[in-house]
Amino acid sequence: MAAAVAAFTAWRRTVAGRRALADLTSDQLKDIGCQEVPRPTFFVRVGVGLMTDLMSMR
């Protein structure tokens, strides 16, 4: 039981730390000595002719 409580507490601290860093600006992060927090970026690469092929499948 103690291990579960310790794991949960560590998880909560990690989440709280990430949220606090996410709210800071890049200048504030530099002031405290952290690099910018990598933000997840999502992108889709569309190959040449892919949209044409997909539209022709309709």
Protein backbone atom coordinates (compact mmCIF):
# COMPACT_ATOMS: atom_id res chain seq x y z
CA MET A 1 0.00 0.00 0.00
CA ALA A 2 2.83 2.38 0.86
CA ALA A 3 4.42 1.82 -2.55
CA ALA A 4 1.17 2.68 -4.30
CA VAL A 5 0.81 5.89 -2.30
CA ALA A 6 4.42 6.83 -3.03
CA ALA A 7 3.96 6.18 -6.76
CA PHE A 8 0.76 8.22 -6.84
CA THR A 9 2.40 11.11 -4.97
CA ALA A 10 5.38 11.07 -7.36
CA TRP A 11 3.02 11.08 -10.34
CA ARG A 12 1.09 14.05 -8.95
CA ARG A 13 4.33 15.99 -8.41
CA THR A 14 5.45 15.24 -11.96
CA VAL A 15 2.15 16.41 -13.42
CA ALA A 16 2.15 19.57 -11.30
CA GLY A 17 5.71 20.35 -12.40
CA ARG A 18 4.86 19.89 -16.06
CA ARG A 19 1.82 22.14 -15.75
CA ALA A 20 3.87 24.81 -14.01
CA LEU A 21 6.54 24.71 -16.73
CA ALA A 22 3.92 24.77 -19.49
CA ASP A 23 2.56 28.07 -18.12
CA LEU A 24 5.94 29.82 -18.25
CA THR A 25 7.13 31.87 -21.19
CA SER A 26 10.40 31.14 -22.95
CA ASP A 27 12.04 34.13 -21.19
CA GLN A 28 10.95 32.86 -17.78
CA LEU A 29 12.29 29.40 -18.60
CA LYS A 30 15.66 30.91 -19.54
CA ASP A 31 15.70 32.85 -16.25
CA ILE A 32 15.37 29.66 -14.20
CA GLY A 33 17.92 27.81 -16.35
CA CYS A 34 15.60 25.49 -18.27
CA GLN A 35 15.49 24.99 -21.97
CA GLU A 36 12.18 25.57 -23.65
CA VAL A 37 9.71 22.81 -22.96
CA PRO A 38 9.27 20.76 -26.11
CA ARG A 39 5.70 21.17 -27.24
CA PRO A 40 4.14 18.23 -29.02
CA THR A 41 3.66 19.03 -32.66
CA PHE A 42 1.49 17.04 -34.98
CA PHE A 43 1.75 17.18 -38.71
CA VAL A 44 0.67 15.10 -41.63
CA ARG A 45 2.80 14.64 -44.69
CA VAL A 46 0.78 14.38 -47.85
CA GLY A 47 2.62 12.74 -50.70
CA VAL A 48 2.34 13.89 -54.29
CA GLY A 49 -0.94 12.72 -55.72
CA LEU A 50 -2.25 11.30 -52.44
CA MET A 51 -5.20 13.67 -52.26
CA THR A 52 -6.06 12.88 -55.88
CA ASP A 53 -5.96 9.15 -55.15
CA LEU A 54 -8.08 9.54 -52.04
CA MET A 55 -10.66 11.66 -53.82
CA SER A 56 -10.86 9.19 -56.70
CA MET A 57 -11.60 6.39 -54.21
CA ARG A 58 -14.82 8.07 -53.20
